[in-house]
């Protein structure tokens, strides 16, 4: 499989460059999220879910500001207001944080989306909409992993650590959903300019038999 660690580091490096050249607050915050790695946005989403005590999926400016600080995004107060007003389109003083997260999520073109979906379907042997250690074991030879060879990790540990790649910070349950899988590769995608290289990376990771 492709070196996920290397791809993640490339993403972080590109995000740091984008952060330095951001043209507005939206681009700046997106770059800061991506500089946390491919799973960074999922951790932010989870944090905002925790803050949503009444379950209405909306945040006041105070909650929004605190949520940004809690996940390490430090802006000037006027930048926070600018970003909040952008999403508070009805002027009611609250924002839909799911809409905010979607805006932060990098976009993939249709070809890349289909590749990612095909990889997920291939891995989801049971068709239950999730990838688990049991699914992964059918496609990934843990015995070739350096830490298995050295005796440091068991086969199960290798699978568990691999699945963590796709999960949100602070929410590691050994289960990867299509949303998490797609979110991870959407982030990785924005560091890869060439569709051909993205295609090659996906096929090296998940097999040449991915169907579009």
N, C-alpha and C. Protein backbone atom coordinates (compact mmCIF):
# COMPACT_ATOMS: atom_id res chain seq x y z
N UNK A 1 0.83 -1.19 0.00
CA UNK A 1 0.00 0.00 0.00
C UNK A 1 0.87 1.25 0.00
N UNK A 2 0.32 2.34 -0.46
CA UNK A 2 1.07 3.60 -0.52
C UNK A 2 1.49 4.03 0.88
N UNK A 3 2.55 4.79 0.96
CA UNK A 3 3.06 5.27 2.23
C UNK A 3 2.16 6.40 2.73
N UNK A 4 1.19 6.06 3.60
CA UNK A 4 0.23 7.04 4.09
C UNK A 4 0.93 8.14 4.88
N UNK A 5 1.94 7.75 5.63
CA UNK A 5 2.66 8.74 6.43
C UNK A 5 3.32 9.80 5.57
N UNK A 6 3.93 9.35 4.47
CA UNK A 6 4.59 10.31 3.56
C UNK A 6 3.57 11.24 2.92
N UNK A 7 2.45 10.68 2.47
CA UNK A 7 1.40 11.50 1.86
C UNK A 7 0.86 12.52 2.84
N UNK A 8 0.71 12.11 4.08
CA UNK A 8 0.20 13.02 5.10
C UNK A 8 1.18 14.16 5.36
N UNK A 9 2.47 13.84 5.39
CA UNK A 9 3.47 14.88 5.60
C UNK A 9 3.52 15.84 4.42
N UNK A 10 3.32 15.33 3.21
CA UNK A 10 3.28 16.20 2.04
C UNK A 10 2.08 17.14 2.12
N UNK A 11 0.95 16.61 2.59
CA UNK A 11 -0.24 17.45 2.77
C UNK A 11 0.04 18.57 3.77
N UNK A 12 0.63 18.23 4.90
CA UNK A 12 0.92 19.24 5.93
C UNK A 12 1.86 20.31 5.38
N UNK A 13 2.87 19.89 4.62
CA UNK A 13 3.83 20.85 4.08
C UNK A 13 3.15 21.81 3.10
N UNK A 14 2.30 21.27 2.23
CA UNK A 14 1.60 22.12 1.27
C UNK A 14 0.63 23.05 1.98
N UNK A 15 -0.02 22.54 3.04
CA UNK A 15 -0.96 23.37 3.79
C UNK A 15 -0.24 24.54 4.46
N UNK A 16 0.96 24.29 4.94
CA UNK A 16 1.72 25.39 5.57
C UNK A 16 2.06 26.46 4.54
N UNK A 17 2.37 26.05 3.32
CA UNK A 17 2.64 27.02 2.25
C UNK A 17 1.36 27.80 1.94
N UNK A 18 0.24 27.08 1.81
CA UNK A 18 -1.04 27.74 1.51
C UNK A 18 -1.44 28.71 2.62
N UNK A 19 -1.13 28.35 3.85
CA UNK A 19 -1.44 29.22 4.97
C UNK A 19 -0.70 30.54 4.86
N UNK A 20 0.54 30.47 4.43
CA UNK A 20 1.34 31.68 4.30
C UNK A 20 0.87 32.57 3.17
N UNK A 21 0.16 31.98 2.19
CA UNK A 21 -0.28 32.75 1.01
C UNK A 21 -1.81 32.86 0.93
N UNK A 22 -2.48 32.61 2.03
CA UNK A 22 -3.95 32.68 2.03
C UNK A 22 -4.43 34.07 1.64
N UNK A 23 -5.46 34.12 0.79
CA UNK A 23 -5.98 35.40 0.31
C UNK A 23 -7.10 35.96 1.18
N UNK A 24 -7.66 35.11 2.03
CA UNK A 24 -8.74 35.56 2.91
C UNK A 24 -8.80 34.64 4.14
N UNK A 25 -9.68 34.97 5.06
CA UNK A 25 -9.75 34.21 6.32
C UNK A 25 -10.20 32.78 6.08
N UNK A 26 -11.11 32.58 5.12
CA UNK A 26 -11.59 31.23 4.83
C UNK A 26 -10.44 30.33 4.38
N UNK A 27 -9.63 30.81 3.46
CA UNK A 27 -8.48 30.04 2.98
C UNK A 27 -7.47 29.82 4.10
N UNK A 28 -7.30 30.82 4.96
CA UNK A 28 -6.36 30.71 6.06
C UNK A 28 -6.77 29.60 7.02
N UNK A 29 -8.04 29.57 7.40
CA UNK A 29 -8.52 28.56 8.34
C UNK A 29 -8.48 27.18 7.72
N UNK A 30 -8.86 27.07 6.45
CA UNK A 30 -8.78 25.77 5.79
C UNK A 30 -7.35 25.24 5.80
N UNK A 31 -6.40 26.12 5.50
CA UNK A 31 -4.99 25.70 5.49
C UNK A 31 -4.54 25.29 6.89
N UNK A 32 -5.01 25.99 7.91
CA UNK A 32 -4.63 25.63 9.28
C UNK A 32 -5.21 24.27 9.67
N UNK A 33 -6.43 23.99 9.25
CA UNK A 33 -7.01 22.67 9.51
C UNK A 33 -6.20 21.58 8.83
N UNK A 34 -5.88 21.79 7.54
CA UNK A 34 -5.16 20.78 6.78
C UNK A 34 -3.72 20.60 7.27
N UNK A 35 -3.17 21.64 7.87
CA UNK A 35 -1.82 21.52 8.42
C UNK A 35 -1.77 20.56 9.60
N UNK A 36 -2.95 20.19 10.12
CA UNK A 36 -3.04 19.20 11.19
C UNK A 36 -3.00 17.78 10.65
N UNK A 37 -3.08 17.63 9.32
CA UNK A 37 -3.09 16.31 8.72
C UNK A 37 -4.43 15.97 8.12
N UNK A 38 -4.48 14.84 7.41
CA UNK A 38 -5.66 14.48 6.65
C UNK A 38 -6.89 14.22 7.51
N UNK A 39 -6.69 13.87 8.77
CA UNK A 39 -7.83 13.61 9.66
C UNK A 39 -8.16 14.80 10.55
N UNK A 40 -7.47 15.91 10.33
CA UNK A 40 -7.66 17.07 11.19
C UNK A 40 -9.08 17.61 11.21
N UNK A 41 -9.72 17.66 10.03
CA UNK A 41 -11.07 18.20 9.96
C UNK A 41 -12.08 17.35 10.72
N UNK A 42 -11.87 16.04 10.73
CA UNK A 42 -12.78 15.17 11.46
C UNK A 42 -12.69 15.44 12.96
N UNK A 43 -11.50 15.74 13.43
CA UNK A 43 -11.35 16.08 14.84
C UNK A 43 -12.05 17.38 15.18
N UNK A 44 -11.97 18.34 14.28
CA UNK A 44 -12.66 19.62 14.48
C UNK A 44 -14.17 19.39 14.51
N UNK A 45 -14.66 18.60 13.57
CA UNK A 45 -16.08 18.31 13.52
C UNK A 45 -16.55 17.66 14.82
N UNK A 46 -15.77 16.73 15.31
CA UNK A 46 -16.15 16.06 16.56
C UNK A 46 -16.19 17.05 17.72
N UNK A 47 -15.22 17.97 17.74
CA UNK A 47 -15.19 18.97 18.82
C UNK A 47 -16.44 19.83 18.79
N UNK A 48 -16.85 20.26 17.60
CA UNK A 48 -18.05 21.09 17.50
C UNK A 48 -19.31 20.30 17.85
N UNK A 49 -19.32 19.01 17.54
CA UNK A 49 -20.46 18.18 17.94
C UNK A 49 -20.58 18.14 19.46
N UNK A 50 -19.46 18.02 20.13
CA UNK A 50 -19.46 17.98 21.59
C UNK A 50 -20.01 19.27 22.17
N UNK A 51 -19.68 20.39 21.53
CA UNK A 51 -20.13 21.69 22.01
C UNK A 51 -21.62 21.92 21.79
N UNK A 52 -22.21 21.16 20.86
CA UNK A 52 -23.61 21.36 20.50
C UNK A 52 -24.52 20.66 21.52
N UNK A 53 -24.64 21.26 22.68
CA UNK A 53 -25.35 20.63 23.79
C UNK A 53 -26.81 20.33 23.48
N UNK A 54 -27.49 21.24 22.78
CA UNK A 54 -28.92 21.04 22.54
C UNK A 54 -29.21 20.29 21.24
N UNK A 55 -28.16 19.90 20.51
CA UNK A 55 -28.33 19.09 19.32
C UNK A 55 -28.95 19.79 18.13
N UNK A 56 -28.93 21.12 18.10
CA UNK A 56 -29.56 21.83 16.98
C UNK A 56 -28.59 22.10 15.83
N UNK A 57 -27.34 21.63 15.98
CA UNK A 57 -26.31 21.75 14.93
C UNK A 57 -25.98 23.20 14.60
N UNK A 58 -26.21 24.09 15.54
CA UNK A 58 -25.91 25.50 15.32
C UNK A 58 -25.04 26.02 16.47
N UNK A 59 -24.20 26.99 16.15
CA UNK A 59 -23.30 27.57 17.14
C UNK A 59 -23.44 29.08 17.16
N UNK A 60 -23.41 29.64 18.35
CA UNK A 60 -23.35 31.10 18.49
C UNK A 60 -21.94 31.55 18.19
N UNK A 61 -21.74 32.87 18.09
CA UNK A 61 -20.38 33.35 17.83
C UNK A 61 -19.45 32.95 18.96
N UNK A 62 -19.90 33.04 20.20
CA UNK A 62 -19.06 32.69 21.35
C UNK A 62 -18.64 31.22 21.28
N UNK A 63 -19.59 30.34 20.94
CA UNK A 63 -19.26 28.91 20.82
C UNK A 63 -18.31 28.67 19.66
N UNK A 64 -18.57 29.33 18.55
CA UNK A 64 -17.73 29.20 17.37
C UNK A 64 -16.30 29.65 17.66
N UNK A 65 -16.17 30.79 18.31
CA UNK A 65 -14.86 31.33 18.66
C UNK A 65 -14.12 30.39 19.59
N UNK A 66 -14.80 29.90 20.61
CA UNK A 66 -14.18 28.98 21.57
C UNK A 66 -13.79 27.68 20.88
N UNK A 67 -14.66 27.17 19.98
CA UNK A 67 -14.36 25.94 19.27
C UNK A 67 -13.11 26.06 18.43
N UNK A 68 -12.93 27.18 17.74
CA UNK A 68 -11.73 27.40 16.95
C UNK A 68 -10.49 27.39 17.83
N UNK A 69 -10.56 28.09 18.95
CA UNK A 69 -9.41 28.13 19.86
C UNK A 69 -9.11 26.76 20.45
N UNK A 70 -10.16 26.01 20.77
CA UNK A 70 -9.98 24.69 21.37
C UNK A 70 -9.24 23.73 20.44
N UNK A 71 -9.40 23.91 19.13
CA UNK A 71 -8.71 23.02 18.19
C UNK A 71 -7.44 23.66 17.63
N UNK A 72 -7.00 24.74 18.25
CA UNK A 72 -5.71 25.34 17.91
C UNK A 72 -5.71 26.32 16.77
N UNK A 73 -6.90 26.84 16.39
CA UNK A 73 -6.97 27.84 15.33
C UNK A 73 -7.07 29.21 15.99
N UNK A 74 -6.01 29.97 15.91
CA UNK A 74 -5.96 31.26 16.58
C UNK A 74 -6.04 32.39 15.55
N UNK A 75 -7.13 33.15 15.62
CA UNK A 75 -7.36 34.27 14.72
C UNK A 75 -7.53 35.54 15.52
N UNK A 76 -7.34 36.68 14.85
CA UNK A 76 -7.73 37.94 15.46
C UNK A 76 -9.25 37.97 15.56
N UNK A 77 -9.74 38.70 16.55
CA UNK A 77 -11.19 38.73 16.77
C UNK A 77 -11.94 39.20 15.51
N UNK A 78 -11.38 40.18 14.80
CA UNK A 78 -12.06 40.66 13.61
C UNK A 78 -12.10 39.59 12.51
N UNK A 79 -11.08 38.71 12.47
CA UNK A 79 -11.10 37.60 11.51
C UNK A 79 -12.18 36.59 11.89
N UNK A 80 -12.34 36.34 13.18
CA UNK A 80 -13.39 35.43 13.63
C UNK A 80 -14.76 35.97 13.24
N UNK A 81 -14.97 37.28 13.45
CA UNK A 81 -16.25 37.90 13.08
C UNK A 81 -16.47 37.82 11.58
N UNK A 82 -15.42 38.06 10.80
CA UNK A 82 -15.53 37.99 9.34
C UNK A 82 -15.98 36.60 8.91
N UNK A 83 -15.34 35.58 9.47
CA UNK A 83 -15.66 34.21 9.10
C UNK A 83 -17.07 33.84 9.56
N UNK A 84 -17.42 34.26 10.77
CA UNK A 84 -18.75 33.95 11.30
C UNK A 84 -19.83 34.60 10.46
N UNK A 85 -19.65 35.86 10.09
CA UNK A 85 -20.65 36.56 9.29
C UNK A 85 -20.82 35.92 7.92
N UNK A 86 -19.74 35.36 7.39
CA UNK A 86 -19.82 34.69 6.08
C UNK A 86 -20.80 33.52 6.13
N UNK A 87 -20.82 32.79 7.24
CA UNK A 87 -21.71 31.63 7.35
C UNK A 87 -23.05 31.97 7.99
N UNK A 88 -23.12 33.11 8.66
CA UNK A 88 -24.40 33.54 9.26
C UNK A 88 -25.18 34.34 8.21
N UNK A 89 -25.60 33.65 7.16
CA UNK A 89 -26.18 34.34 6.01
C UNK A 89 -27.54 34.96 6.32
N UNK A 90 -28.26 34.39 7.28
CA UNK A 90 -29.58 34.95 7.60
C UNK A 90 -29.50 36.00 8.70
N UNK A 91 -28.28 36.24 9.22
CA UNK A 91 -28.09 37.28 10.22
C UNK A 91 -28.74 37.00 11.56
N UNK A 92 -29.01 35.73 11.86
CA UNK A 92 -29.68 35.38 13.11
C UNK A 92 -28.72 35.19 14.29
N UNK A 93 -27.42 35.28 14.03
CA UNK A 93 -26.45 35.19 15.12
C UNK A 93 -26.00 33.79 15.45
N UNK A 94 -26.33 32.82 14.58
CA UNK A 94 -25.83 31.45 14.74
C UNK A 94 -25.44 30.92 13.37
N UNK A 95 -24.59 29.89 13.36
CA UNK A 95 -24.19 29.27 12.10
C UNK A 95 -24.38 27.76 12.20
N UNK A 96 -24.60 27.14 11.05
CA UNK A 96 -24.68 25.69 10.93
C UNK A 96 -23.25 25.17 10.83
N UNK A 97 -22.78 24.47 11.88
CA UNK A 97 -21.37 24.08 11.85
C UNK A 97 -21.10 22.97 10.84
N UNK A 98 -22.12 22.21 10.44
CA UNK A 98 -21.91 21.21 9.40
C UNK A 98 -21.61 21.91 8.06
N UNK A 99 -22.30 23.02 7.82
CA UNK A 99 -22.04 23.80 6.61
C UNK A 99 -20.62 24.37 6.66
N UNK A 100 -20.22 24.81 7.82
CA UNK A 100 -18.87 25.34 8.00
C UNK A 100 -17.82 24.26 7.69
N UNK A 101 -18.03 23.05 8.23
CA UNK A 101 -17.08 21.96 8.01
C UNK A 101 -17.04 21.59 6.53
N UNK A 102 -18.22 21.56 5.88
CA UNK A 102 -18.25 21.24 4.45
C UNK A 102 -17.46 22.26 3.63
N UNK A 103 -17.52 23.52 4.03
CA UNK A 103 -16.78 24.56 3.32
C UNK A 103 -15.28 24.40 3.50
N UNK A 104 -14.89 23.88 4.66
CA UNK A 104 -13.47 23.66 4.94
C UNK A 104 -12.93 22.43 4.22
N UNK A 105 -13.85 21.48 3.93
CA UNK A 105 -13.43 20.22 3.31
C UNK A 105 -12.97 20.45 1.88
N UNK A 106 -11.74 20.04 1.53
CA UNK A 106 -11.29 20.17 0.14
C UNK A 106 -12.20 19.38 -0.80
N UNK A 107 -12.32 19.86 -2.01
CA UNK A 107 -13.19 19.22 -2.99
C UNK A 107 -12.37 18.32 -3.92
N UNK A 108 -12.96 17.18 -4.28
CA UNK A 108 -12.36 16.28 -5.27
C UNK A 108 -13.20 16.29 -6.54
N UNK A 109 -12.54 16.14 -7.68
CA UNK A 109 -13.32 16.02 -8.90
C UNK A 109 -13.97 14.64 -8.97
N UNK A 110 -14.85 14.45 -9.94
CA UNK A 110 -15.67 13.23 -10.00
C UNK A 110 -14.81 11.98 -10.16
N UNK A 111 -13.77 12.05 -10.97
CA UNK A 111 -12.93 10.87 -11.18
C UNK A 111 -12.28 10.44 -9.87
N UNK A 112 -11.77 11.39 -9.12
CA UNK A 112 -11.12 11.05 -7.86
C UNK A 112 -12.12 10.50 -6.85
N UNK A 113 -13.30 11.10 -6.79
CA UNK A 113 -14.34 10.61 -5.89
C UNK A 113 -14.69 9.16 -6.20
N UNK A 114 -14.81 8.85 -7.49
CA UNK A 114 -15.17 7.49 -7.88
C UNK A 114 -14.08 6.49 -7.50
N UNK A 115 -12.82 6.90 -7.61
CA UNK A 115 -11.72 6.04 -7.20
C UNK A 115 -11.78 5.74 -5.70
N UNK A 116 -12.02 6.77 -4.93
CA UNK A 116 -12.09 6.59 -3.48
C UNK A 116 -13.28 5.71 -3.10
N UNK A 117 -14.41 5.96 -3.72
CA UNK A 117 -15.60 5.14 -3.44
C UNK A 117 -15.36 3.68 -3.83
N UNK A 118 -14.68 3.47 -4.97
CA UNK A 118 -14.39 2.11 -5.41
C UNK A 118 -13.48 1.40 -4.43
N UNK A 119 -12.49 2.11 -3.90
CA UNK A 119 -11.58 1.52 -2.91
C UNK A 119 -12.35 1.14 -1.65
N UNK A 120 -13.26 2.01 -1.22
CA UNK A 120 -14.03 1.72 -0.01
C UNK A 120 -14.91 0.49 -0.22
N UNK A 121 -15.59 0.44 -1.35
CA UNK A 121 -16.47 -0.70 -1.64
C UNK A 121 -15.66 -2.00 -1.68
N UNK A 122 -14.47 -1.93 -2.26
CA UNK A 122 -13.61 -3.11 -2.32
C UNK A 122 -13.23 -3.59 -0.93
N UNK A 123 -12.93 -2.66 -0.04
CA UNK A 123 -12.51 -3.02 1.30
C UNK A 123 -13.66 -3.50 2.17
N UNK A 124 -14.85 -2.98 1.92
CA UNK A 124 -16.03 -3.31 2.73
C UNK A 124 -16.60 -4.66 2.29
N UNK A 125 -15.97 -5.72 2.73
CA UNK A 125 -16.33 -7.06 2.27
C UNK A 125 -17.77 -7.44 2.60
N UNK A 126 -18.27 -6.99 3.74
CA UNK A 126 -19.60 -7.38 4.17
C UNK A 126 -20.69 -6.48 3.59
N UNK A 127 -20.29 -5.34 3.02
CA UNK A 127 -21.27 -4.42 2.46
C UNK A 127 -22.10 -3.70 3.51
N UNK A 128 -21.57 -3.64 4.75
CA UNK A 128 -22.32 -2.99 5.83
C UNK A 128 -22.01 -1.51 5.99
N UNK A 129 -21.20 -0.95 5.07
CA UNK A 129 -20.92 0.49 5.10
C UNK A 129 -19.80 0.92 6.02
N UNK A 130 -19.03 -0.05 6.55
CA UNK A 130 -17.89 0.28 7.40
C UNK A 130 -16.72 -0.65 7.06
N UNK A 131 -15.52 -0.18 7.36
CA UNK A 131 -14.32 -1.01 7.23
C UNK A 131 -13.79 -1.29 8.63
N UNK A 132 -13.55 -2.56 8.92
CA UNK A 132 -13.05 -2.97 10.23
C UNK A 132 -11.74 -3.73 10.05
N UNK A 133 -11.16 -4.14 11.17
CA UNK A 133 -9.95 -4.96 11.13
C UNK A 133 -10.18 -6.22 10.31
N UNK A 134 -11.34 -6.83 10.48
CA UNK A 134 -11.66 -8.06 9.76
C UNK A 134 -11.68 -7.82 8.26
N UNK A 135 -12.25 -6.69 7.82
CA UNK A 135 -12.24 -6.35 6.39
C UNK A 135 -10.82 -6.15 5.89
N UNK A 136 -10.06 -5.39 6.65
CA UNK A 136 -8.70 -5.03 6.23
C UNK A 136 -7.82 -6.27 6.09
N UNK A 137 -8.02 -7.24 6.98
CA UNK A 137 -7.18 -8.45 6.97
C UNK A 137 -7.27 -9.23 5.67
N UNK A 138 -8.36 -9.04 4.94
CA UNK A 138 -8.54 -9.75 3.68
C UNK A 138 -7.76 -9.11 2.52
N UNK A 139 -7.25 -7.90 2.76
CA UNK A 139 -6.60 -7.17 1.66
C UNK A 139 -5.18 -6.72 1.98
N UNK A 140 -4.79 -6.75 3.22
CA UNK A 140 -3.52 -6.16 3.63
C UNK A 140 -2.73 -7.20 4.42
N UNK A 141 -1.55 -7.53 3.93
CA UNK A 141 -0.69 -8.52 4.58
C UNK A 141 0.12 -7.87 5.68
N UNK A 142 -0.36 -7.99 6.92
CA UNK A 142 0.29 -7.34 8.05
C UNK A 142 1.68 -7.92 8.32
N UNK A 143 1.92 -9.14 7.86
CA UNK A 143 3.20 -9.80 8.16
C UNK A 143 4.38 -9.14 7.44
N UNK A 144 4.08 -8.27 6.48
CA UNK A 144 5.15 -7.54 5.80
C UNK A 144 5.48 -6.22 6.48
N UNK A 145 4.67 -5.85 7.48
CA UNK A 145 4.91 -4.58 8.17
C UNK A 145 6.18 -4.69 9.02
N UNK A 146 7.05 -3.66 8.98
CA UNK A 146 8.31 -3.73 9.74
C UNK A 146 8.12 -4.01 11.23
N UNK A 147 7.08 -3.46 11.83
CA UNK A 147 6.90 -3.66 13.27
C UNK A 147 6.34 -5.05 13.60
N UNK A 148 5.69 -5.69 12.62
CA UNK A 148 5.31 -7.08 12.82
C UNK A 148 6.56 -7.96 12.70
N UNK A 149 7.37 -7.66 11.70
CA UNK A 149 8.60 -8.44 11.49
C UNK A 149 9.52 -8.35 12.70
N UNK A 150 9.58 -7.17 13.31
CA UNK A 150 10.46 -6.98 14.48
C UNK A 150 9.87 -7.59 15.75
N UNK A 151 8.59 -7.97 15.70
CA UNK A 151 7.95 -8.54 16.88
C UNK A 151 7.31 -7.51 17.79
N UNK A 152 7.40 -6.23 17.40
CA UNK A 152 6.86 -5.16 18.25
C UNK A 152 5.33 -5.15 18.24
N UNK A 153 4.74 -5.42 17.06
CA UNK A 153 3.28 -5.40 16.91
C UNK A 153 2.77 -6.76 16.48
N UNK A 154 1.55 -7.08 16.90
CA UNK A 154 0.84 -8.25 16.39
C UNK A 154 0.17 -7.88 15.07
N UNK A 155 -0.38 -8.89 14.38
CA UNK A 155 -1.11 -8.61 13.15
C UNK A 155 -2.29 -7.67 13.43
N UNK A 156 -3.03 -7.94 14.49
CA UNK A 156 -4.18 -7.11 14.83
C UNK A 156 -3.76 -5.68 15.10
N UNK A 157 -2.63 -5.51 15.79
CA UNK A 157 -2.13 -4.16 16.09
C UNK A 157 -1.79 -3.42 14.80
N UNK A 158 -1.21 -4.11 13.84
CA UNK A 158 -0.88 -3.48 12.55
C UNK A 158 -2.15 -2.97 11.88
N UNK A 159 -3.20 -3.80 11.87
CA UNK A 159 -4.46 -3.40 11.26
C UNK A 159 -5.09 -2.21 12.00
N UNK A 160 -5.05 -2.27 13.32
CA UNK A 160 -5.65 -1.20 14.12
C UNK A 160 -4.94 0.13 13.87
N UNK A 161 -3.63 0.10 13.81
CA UNK A 161 -2.87 1.33 13.58
C UNK A 161 -3.13 1.87 12.17
N UNK A 162 -3.29 0.97 11.21
CA UNK A 162 -3.57 1.41 9.85
C UNK A 162 -4.94 2.09 9.78
N UNK A 163 -5.95 1.53 10.42
CA UNK A 163 -7.28 2.11 10.40
C UNK A 163 -7.31 3.47 11.09
N UNK A 164 -6.45 3.68 12.08
CA UNK A 164 -6.39 4.97 12.76
C UNK A 164 -6.09 6.10 11.80
N UNK A 165 -5.42 5.77 10.70
CA UNK A 165 -5.07 6.78 9.70
C UNK A 165 -6.29 7.57 9.24
N UNK A 166 -7.44 6.89 9.16
CA UNK A 166 -8.63 7.49 8.57
C UNK A 166 -9.60 8.05 9.60
N UNK A 167 -9.31 7.84 10.88
CA UNK A 167 -10.27 8.23 11.91
C UNK A 167 -9.98 9.61 12.47
N UNK A 168 -11.00 10.18 13.10
CA UNK A 168 -10.89 11.53 13.64
C UNK A 168 -10.08 11.54 14.93
N UNK A 169 -9.38 12.63 15.15
CA UNK A 169 -8.64 12.81 16.39
C UNK A 169 -9.60 12.68 17.57
N UNK A 170 -9.19 11.90 18.55
CA UNK A 170 -10.01 11.77 19.75
C UNK A 170 -11.21 10.87 19.59
N UNK A 171 -11.32 10.18 18.45
CA UNK A 171 -12.46 9.30 18.23
C UNK A 171 -11.99 8.08 17.46
N UNK A 172 -11.20 7.25 18.13
CA UNK A 172 -10.64 6.07 17.51
C UNK A 172 -11.44 4.86 17.98
N UNK A 173 -12.20 4.26 17.06
CA UNK A 173 -13.04 3.13 17.45
C UNK A 173 -12.81 1.89 16.60
N UNK A 174 -11.81 1.93 15.70
CA UNK A 174 -11.52 0.77 14.88
C UNK A 174 -12.52 0.56 13.76
N UNK A 175 -13.35 1.55 13.50
CA UNK A 175 -14.36 1.47 12.45
C UNK A 175 -14.22 2.70 11.55
N UNK A 176 -14.09 2.46 10.26
CA UNK A 176 -13.96 3.57 9.30
C UNK A 176 -15.19 3.61 8.42
N UNK A 177 -15.87 4.75 8.43
CA UNK A 177 -17.05 4.94 7.58
C UNK A 177 -16.64 5.52 6.23
N UNK A 178 -17.57 5.49 5.28
CA UNK A 178 -17.30 6.10 3.98
C UNK A 178 -17.01 7.58 4.13
N UNK A 179 -17.71 8.25 5.04
CA UNK A 179 -17.49 9.68 5.26
C UNK A 179 -16.05 9.93 5.72
N UNK A 180 -15.57 9.13 6.66
CA UNK A 180 -14.20 9.29 7.15
C UNK A 180 -13.20 8.99 6.05
N UNK A 181 -13.45 7.94 5.30
CA UNK A 181 -12.57 7.52 4.20
C UNK A 181 -12.49 8.62 3.14
N UNK A 182 -13.66 9.16 2.78
CA UNK A 182 -13.73 10.20 1.77
C UNK A 182 -13.07 11.49 2.27
N UNK A 183 -13.29 11.82 3.53
CA UNK A 183 -12.70 13.02 4.10
C UNK A 183 -11.18 12.94 4.10
N UNK A 184 -10.66 11.78 4.45
CA UNK A 184 -9.21 11.59 4.46
C UNK A 184 -8.62 11.82 3.06
N UNK A 185 -9.21 11.17 2.07
CA UNK A 185 -8.64 11.28 0.73
C UNK A 185 -8.93 12.63 0.08
N UNK A 186 -9.97 13.31 0.49
CA UNK A 186 -10.20 14.67 -0.01
C UNK A 186 -9.06 15.58 0.42
N UNK A 187 -8.61 15.38 1.67
CA UNK A 187 -7.48 16.17 2.15
C UNK A 187 -6.20 15.80 1.42
N UNK A 188 -5.93 14.50 1.30
CA UNK A 188 -4.74 14.05 0.58
C UNK A 188 -4.78 14.54 -0.87
N UNK A 189 -5.96 14.54 -1.46
CA UNK A 189 -6.12 14.92 -2.87
C UNK A 189 -5.63 16.33 -3.15
N UNK A 190 -5.86 17.24 -2.19
CA UNK A 190 -5.51 18.63 -2.47
C UNK A 190 -4.00 18.86 -2.50
N UNK A 191 -3.22 17.86 -2.08
CA UNK A 191 -1.76 17.98 -2.17
C UNK A 191 -1.21 17.30 -3.42
N UNK A 192 -2.12 16.72 -4.24
CA UNK A 192 -1.71 16.02 -5.46
C UNK A 192 -2.33 16.73 -6.66
N UNK A 193 -1.51 17.35 -7.47
CA UNK A 193 -2.02 18.15 -8.59
C UNK A 193 -2.51 17.29 -9.76
N UNK A 194 -1.85 16.19 -10.00
CA UNK A 194 -2.12 15.38 -11.18
C UNK A 194 -3.16 14.30 -10.90
N UNK A 195 -4.20 14.25 -11.74
CA UNK A 195 -5.19 13.17 -11.63
C UNK A 195 -4.53 11.81 -11.87
N UNK A 196 -3.58 11.78 -12.80
CA UNK A 196 -2.91 10.52 -13.11
C UNK A 196 -2.13 10.01 -11.90
N UNK A 197 -1.48 10.92 -11.18
CA UNK A 197 -0.73 10.50 -10.00
C UNK A 197 -1.68 10.06 -8.88
N UNK A 198 -2.80 10.76 -8.74
CA UNK A 198 -3.78 10.36 -7.73
C UNK A 198 -4.31 8.96 -8.05
N UNK A 199 -4.60 8.72 -9.31
CA UNK A 199 -5.06 7.40 -9.75
C UNK A 199 -4.01 6.34 -9.42
N UNK A 200 -2.75 6.61 -9.73
CA UNK A 200 -1.67 5.68 -9.45
C UNK A 200 -1.55 5.41 -7.95
N UNK A 201 -1.64 6.48 -7.16
CA UNK A 201 -1.54 6.33 -5.71
C UNK A 201 -2.66 5.44 -5.17
N UNK A 202 -3.89 5.65 -5.64
CA UNK A 202 -5.01 4.84 -5.17
C UNK A 202 -4.85 3.38 -5.58
N UNK A 203 -4.40 3.14 -6.80
CA UNK A 203 -4.25 1.75 -7.27
C UNK A 203 -3.07 1.06 -6.59
N UNK A 204 -2.01 1.81 -6.29
CA UNK A 204 -0.91 1.24 -5.52
C UNK A 204 -1.36 0.86 -4.11
N UNK A 205 -2.29 1.66 -3.57
CA UNK A 205 -2.78 1.41 -2.22
C UNK A 205 -3.78 0.27 -2.16
N UNK A 206 -4.71 0.25 -3.11
CA UNK A 206 -5.87 -0.63 -3.00
C UNK A 206 -6.00 -1.65 -4.13
N UNK A 207 -5.05 -1.64 -5.08
CA UNK A 207 -5.08 -2.66 -6.13
C UNK A 207 -5.41 -2.09 -7.50
N UNK A 208 -4.86 -2.71 -8.53
CA UNK A 208 -5.08 -2.27 -9.90
C UNK A 208 -6.49 -2.54 -10.40
N UNK A 209 -7.27 -3.31 -9.64
CA UNK A 209 -8.58 -3.72 -10.12
C UNK A 209 -9.70 -2.79 -9.67
N UNK A 210 -9.34 -1.57 -9.23
CA UNK A 210 -10.38 -0.61 -8.85
C UNK A 210 -11.21 -0.26 -10.08
N UNK A 211 -12.50 -0.36 -9.96
CA UNK A 211 -13.40 -0.08 -11.07
C UNK A 211 -14.03 1.29 -10.93
N UNK A 212 -14.09 2.04 -12.03
CA UNK A 212 -14.70 3.37 -12.03
C UNK A 212 -16.11 3.27 -12.59
